[in-house]
Amino acid sequence: MSGQSRTFVTLAAVMLVVGVLRYFMKGWAEALGVPEIVGSLIVSLNVVLLVGLAIFFAREGRAPDGRYVRAAGWFVALAAWMSILIVAGILITARTGTPTYYEEMVYAHRTLPPVQHAISHAVALVVVAVVVLLLGWPIYWAAKRGRPSAGLASQG
């Protein structure tokens, strides 16, 4: 298993744990006096996704045979996994009637049926992928500046 695939599996597992924590631990931060928005951020899949962004693009940038497209592929796969977890979580919470951060923070402003909410997250994967691929570009190129050339790496 390559380094990037191990990273993907590790981050995917962390996302699964974070998603489960988000589902079962709703309200735990408020009991400690932490604002709800901070509790939501702590158990946020987006934080794990941003860590993945930095790891995938920096590793490919530093690797002598690294490619931006390969980093992008791993990242898009992780973003797709995140979308699957989010959609599943939305549908499970709707089915069980469990309160969510979304309901408590956004319902005051608008209501969105659970299926439509889930579909909007699935569609947002495209937007997230495009934006993050743009963000990954400078990370990749900054890391690439410090990588050894292919000729020197093969001599080592």
C-alpha atoms as a PDB file:
ATOM      1  CA  MET A   1       0.000   0.000   0.000  1.00  0.00           C
ATOM      2  CA  SER A   2       1.469   3.354  -1.030  1.00  0.00           C
ATOM      3  CA  GLY A   3       1.909   6.264   1.358  1.00  0.00           C
ATOM      4  CA  GLN A   4      -1.000   8.163  -0.179  1.00  0.00           C
ATOM      5  CA  SER A   5      -3.343   5.165   0.042  1.00  0.00           C
ATOM      6  CA  ARG A   6      -2.424   4.629   3.710  1.00  0.00           C
ATOM      7  CA  THR A   7      -3.088   8.313   4.313  1.00  0.00           C
ATOM      8  CA  PHE A   8      -6.438   8.032   2.543  1.00  0.00           C
ATOM      9  CA  VAL A   9      -7.504   5.003   4.605  1.00  0.00           C
ATOM     10  CA  THR A  10      -6.379   6.683   7.835  1.00  0.00           C
ATOM     11  CA  LEU A  11      -8.193   9.948   7.076  1.00  0.00           C
ATOM     12  CA  ALA A  12     -11.312   8.063   5.909  1.00  0.00           C
ATOM     13  CA  ALA A  13     -11.353   6.150   9.209  1.00  0.00           C
ATOM     14  CA  VAL A  14     -10.859   9.383  11.182  1.00  0.00           C
ATOM     15  CA  MET A  15     -13.755  10.929   9.249  1.00  0.00           C
ATOM     16  CA  LEU A  16     -15.952   7.978  10.142  1.00  0.00           C
ATOM     17  CA  VAL A  17     -15.101   8.366  13.837  1.00  0.00           C
ATOM     18  CA  VAL A  18     -15.656  12.139  13.683  1.00  0.00           C
ATOM     19  CA  GLY A  19     -19.005  11.593  11.956  1.00  0.00           C
ATOM     20  CA  VAL A  20     -20.129   9.146  14.637  1.00  0.00           C
ATOM     21  CA  LEU A  21     -18.953  11.508  17.379  1.00  0.00           C
ATOM     22  CA  ARG A  22     -20.858  14.336  15.725  1.00  0.00           C
ATOM     23  CA  TYR A  23     -24.012  12.218  15.690  1.00  0.00           C
ATOM     24  CA  PHE A  24     -23.843  10.904  19.261  1.00  0.00           C
ATOM     25  CA  MET A  25     -22.180  13.801  21.040  1.00  0.00           C
ATOM     26  CA  LYS A  26     -24.454  16.650  19.955  1.00  0.00           C
ATOM     27  CA  GLY A  27     -24.558  19.105  22.803  1.00  0.00           C
ATOM     28  CA  TRP A  28     -21.480  17.846  24.687  1.00  0.00           C
ATOM     29  CA  ALA A  29     -19.548  21.077  24.146  1.00  0.00           C
ATOM     30  CA  GLU A  30     -22.383  23.284  25.370  1.00  0.00           C
ATOM     31  CA  ALA A  31     -22.415  21.438  28.710  1.00  0.00           C
ATOM     32  CA  LEU A  32     -18.774  22.453  29.129  1.00  0.00           C
ATOM     33  CA  GLY A  33     -19.586  26.091  28.393  1.00  0.00           C
ATOM     34  CA  VAL A  34     -18.162  25.953  24.866  1.00  0.00           C
ATOM     35  CA  PRO A  35     -20.245  27.816  22.252  1.00  0.00           C
ATOM     36  CA  GLU A  36     -22.235  25.569  19.943  1.00  0.00           C
ATOM     37  CA  ILE A  37     -20.414  26.738  16.824  1.00  0.00           C
ATOM     38  CA  VAL A  38     -17.060  25.723  18.360  1.00  0.00           C
ATOM     39  CA  GLY A  39     -18.424  22.291  19.274  1.00  0.00           C
ATOM     40  CA  SER A  40     -19.624  21.910  15.710  1.00  0.00           C
ATOM     41  CA  LEU A  41     -16.181  22.814  14.388  1.00  0.00           C
ATOM     42  CA  ILE A  42     -14.369  20.394  16.719  1.00  0.00           C
ATOM     43  CA  VAL A  43     -16.314  17.453  15.330  1.00  0.00           C
ATOM     44  CA  SER A  44     -16.201  18.738  11.771  1.00  0.00           C
ATOM     45  CA  LEU A  45     -15.407  16.564   8.815  1.00  0.00           C
ATOM     46  CA  ASN A  46     -14.183  19.700   7.059  1.00  0.00           C
ATOM     47  CA  VAL A  47     -11.263  19.971   9.474  1.00  0.00           C
ATOM     48  CA  VAL A  48     -10.185  16.431   8.567  1.00  0.00           C
ATOM     49  CA  LEU A  49     -10.663  17.253   4.882  1.00  0.00           C
ATOM     50  CA  LEU A  50      -8.379  20.302   5.172  1.00  0.00           C
ATOM     51  CA  VAL A  51      -5.729  18.176   6.884  1.00  0.00           C
ATOM     52  CA  GLY A  52      -6.026  15.759   3.970  1.00  0.00           C
ATOM     53  CA  LEU A  53      -5.636  18.656   1.543  1.00  0.00           C
ATOM     54  CA  ALA A  54      -2.332  19.665   3.106  1.00  0.00           C
ATOM     55  CA  ILE A  55      -1.006  16.104   3.354  1.00  0.00           C
ATOM     56  CA  PHE A  56      -1.917  14.928  -0.150  1.00  0.00           C
ATOM     57  CA  PHE A  57      -0.664  18.000  -1.997  1.00  0.00           C
ATOM     58  CA  ALA A  58       2.483  18.477   0.119  1.00  0.00           C
ATOM     59  CA  ARG A  59       3.485  14.801  -0.223  1.00  0.00           C
ATOM     60  CA  GLU A  60       3.025  14.810  -3.981  1.00  0.00           C
ATOM     61  CA  GLY A  61       4.882  18.112  -4.215  1.00  0.00           C
ATOM     62  CA  ARG A  62       7.862  16.728  -2.287  1.00  0.00           C
ATOM     63  CA  ALA A  63       7.989  13.342  -4.040  1.00  0.00           C
ATOM     64  CA  PRO A  64      10.516  13.158  -6.895  1.00  0.00           C
ATOM     65  CA  ASP A  65       7.856  11.586  -9.133  1.00  0.00           C
ATOM     66  CA  GLY A  66       4.966  13.538  -7.547  1.00  0.00           C
ATOM     67  CA  ARG A  67       2.086  14.721  -9.690  1.00  0.00           C
ATOM     68  CA  TYR A  68      -0.553  17.362  -8.977  1.00  0.00           C
ATOM     69  CA  VAL A  69      -3.184  15.203 -10.680  1.00  0.00           C
ATOM     70  CA  ARG A  70      -2.439  12.276  -8.341  1.00  0.00           C
ATOM     71  CA  ALA A  71      -2.816  14.521  -5.272  1.00  0.00           C
ATOM     72  CA  ALA A  72      -6.049  15.883  -6.734  1.00  0.00           C
ATOM     73  CA  GLY A  73      -7.377  12.369  -7.276  1.00  0.00           C
ATOM     74  CA  TRP A  74      -6.705  11.319  -3.688  1.00  0.00           C
ATOM     75  CA  PHE A  75      -8.247  14.510  -2.405  1.00  0.00           C
ATOM     76  CA  VAL A  76     -11.399  14.198  -4.523  1.00  0.00           C
ATOM     77  CA  ALA A  77     -11.780  10.598  -3.316  1.00  0.00           C
ATOM     78  CA  LEU A  78     -11.583  11.815   0.304  1.00  0.00           C
ATOM     79  CA  ALA A  79     -14.076  14.610  -0.411  1.00  0.00           C
ATOM     80  CA  ALA A  80     -16.448  12.061  -1.975  1.00  0.00           C
ATOM     81  CA  TRP A  81     -16.131   9.861   1.129  1.00  0.00           C
ATOM     82  CA  MET A  82     -16.944  12.891   3.282  1.00  0.00           C
ATOM     83  CA  SER A  83     -20.043  13.600   1.184  1.00  0.00           C
ATOM     84  CA  ILE A  84     -21.193   9.995   1.570  1.00  0.00           C
ATOM     85  CA  LEU A  85     -20.833  10.288   5.352  1.00  0.00           C
ATOM     86  CA  ILE A  86     -22.674  13.620   5.454  1.00  0.00           C
ATOM     87  CA  VAL A  87     -25.554  12.418   3.287  1.00  0.00           C
ATOM     88  CA  ALA A  88     -25.855   9.232   5.336  1.00  0.00           C
ATOM     89  CA  GLY A  89     -25.783  11.253   8.556  1.00  0.00           C
ATOM     90  CA  ILE A  90     -28.482  13.632   7.334  1.00  0.00           C
ATOM     91  CA  LEU A  91     -30.753  10.777   6.301  1.00  0.00           C
ATOM     92  CA  ILE A  92     -30.146   8.819   9.541  1.00  0.00           C
ATOM     93  CA  THR A  93     -30.846  11.836  11.746  1.00  0.00           C
ATOM     94  CA  ALA A  94     -34.007  12.586   9.763  1.00  0.00           C
ATOM     95  CA  ARG A  95     -35.167   8.986  10.172  1.00  0.00           C
ATOM     96  CA  THR A  96     -34.413   8.871  13.916  1.00  0.00           C
ATOM     97  CA  GLY A  97     -35.533  12.425  14.698  1.00  0.00           C
ATOM     98  CA  THR A  98     -32.179  13.263  16.278  1.00  0.00           C
ATOM     99  CA  PRO A  99     -31.509  17.012  16.584  1.00  0.00           C
ATOM    100  CA  THR A 100     -28.549  18.228  14.538  1.00  0.00           C
ATOM    101  CA  TYR A 101     -26.312  21.285  14.547  1.00  0.00           C
ATOM    102  CA  TYR A 102     -27.910  22.272  11.256  1.00  0.00           C
ATOM    103  CA  GLU A 103     -31.421  22.239  12.687  1.00  0.00           C
ATOM    104  CA  GLU A 104     -30.515  24.252  15.757  1.00  0.00           C
ATOM    105  CA  MET A 105     -28.343  26.823  14.004  1.00  0.00           C
ATOM    106  CA  VAL A 106     -30.176  27.239  10.686  1.00  0.00           C
ATOM    107  CA  TYR A 107     -33.850  26.389  11.268  1.00  0.00           C
ATOM    108  CA  ALA A 108     -34.391  29.828  12.717  1.00  0.00           C
ATOM    109  CA  HIS A 109     -33.590  31.213   9.267  1.00  0.00           C
ATOM    110  CA  ARG A 110     -35.008  28.585   6.895  1.00  0.00           C
ATOM    111  CA  THR A 111     -36.200  25.022   6.733  1.00  0.00           C
ATOM    112  CA  LEU A 112     -34.982  22.465   4.254  1.00  0.00           C
ATOM    113  CA  PRO A 113     -36.438  18.972   3.990  1.00  0.00           C
ATOM    114  CA  PRO A 114     -33.840  16.298   4.894  1.00  0.00           C
ATOM    115  CA  VAL A 115     -33.695  14.730   1.433  1.00  0.00           C
ATOM    116  CA  GLN A 116     -33.198  18.120  -0.212  1.00  0.00           C
ATOM    117  CA  HIS A 117     -30.561  18.961   2.417  1.00  0.00           C
ATOM    118  CA  ALA A 118     -28.754  15.679   1.644  1.00  0.00           C
ATOM    119  CA  ILE A 119     -28.900  16.306  -2.109  1.00  0.00           C
ATOM    120  CA  SER A 120     -27.513  19.811  -1.638  1.00  0.00           C
ATOM    121  CA  HIS A 121     -24.482  18.323   0.154  1.00  0.00           C
ATOM    122  CA  ALA A 122     -23.948  15.806  -2.616  1.00  0.00           C
ATOM    123  CA  VAL A 123     -24.045  18.586  -5.224  1.00  0.00           C
ATOM    124  CA  ALA A 124     -21.724  20.715  -3.085  1.00  0.00           C
ATOM    125  CA  LEU A 125     -19.032  18.056  -3.559  1.00  0.00           C
ATOM    126  CA  VAL A 126     -18.375  19.505  -7.026  1.00  0.00           C
ATOM    127  CA  VAL A 127     -17.964  23.031  -5.670  1.00  0.00           C
ATOM    128  CA  VAL A 128     -15.767  21.824  -2.801  1.00  0.00           C
ATOM    129  CA  ALA A 129     -13.589  19.840  -5.195  1.00  0.00           C
ATOM    130  CA  VAL A 130     -13.046  22.795  -7.537  1.00  0.00           C
ATOM    131  CA  VAL A 131     -12.286  25.269  -4.741  1.00  0.00           C
ATOM    132  CA  VAL A 132      -9.940  22.920  -2.941  1.00  0.00           C
ATOM    133  CA  LEU A 133      -8.120  21.933  -6.119  1.00  0.00           C
ATOM    134  CA  LEU A 134      -7.366  25.625  -6.500  1.00  0.00           C
ATOM    135  CA  LEU A 135      -6.192  25.750  -2.866  1.00  0.00           C
ATOM    136  CA  GLY A 136      -4.069  22.642  -3.386  1.00  0.00           C
ATOM    137  CA  TRP A 137      -2.166  24.241  -6.244  1.00  0.00           C
ATOM    138  CA  PRO A 138      -0.004  26.603  -4.111  1.00  0.00           C
ATOM    139  CA  ILE A 139       0.597  23.860  -1.518  1.00  0.00           C
ATOM    140  CA  TYR A 140       1.794  21.511  -4.248  1.00  0.00           C
ATOM    141  CA  TRP A 141       4.045  24.101  -5.861  1.00  0.00           C
ATOM    142  CA  ALA A 142       5.517  25.296  -2.557  1.00  0.00           C
ATOM    143  CA  ALA A 143       6.384  21.700  -1.665  1.00  0.00           C
ATOM    144  CA  LYS A 144       7.688  21.057  -5.177  1.00  0.00           C
ATOM    145  CA  ARG A 145      10.234  23.859  -4.842  1.00  0.00           C
ATOM    146  CA  GLY A 146      12.042  21.887  -2.135  1.00  0.00           C
ATOM    147  CA  ARG A 147      11.958  18.446  -3.749  1.00  0.00           C
ATOM    148  CA  PRO A 148      15.046  16.748  -5.056  1.00  0.00           C
ATOM    149  CA  SER A 149      15.276  16.427  -8.813  1.00  0.00           C
ATOM    150  CA  ALA A 150      14.482  13.023 -10.301  1.00  0.00           C
ATOM    151  CA  GLY A 151      18.134  12.505 -11.309  1.00  0.00           C
ATOM    152  CA  LEU A 152      19.480  13.168  -7.823  1.00  0.00           C
ATOM    153  CA  ALA A 153      16.835  10.982  -6.180  1.00  0.00           C
ATOM    154  CA  SER A 154      17.805   7.957  -8.286  1.00  0.00           C
ATOM    155  CA  GLN A 155      21.505   8.365  -7.354  1.00  0.00           C
ATOM    156  CA  GLY A 156      20.798   8.424  -3.608  1.00  0.00           C
END
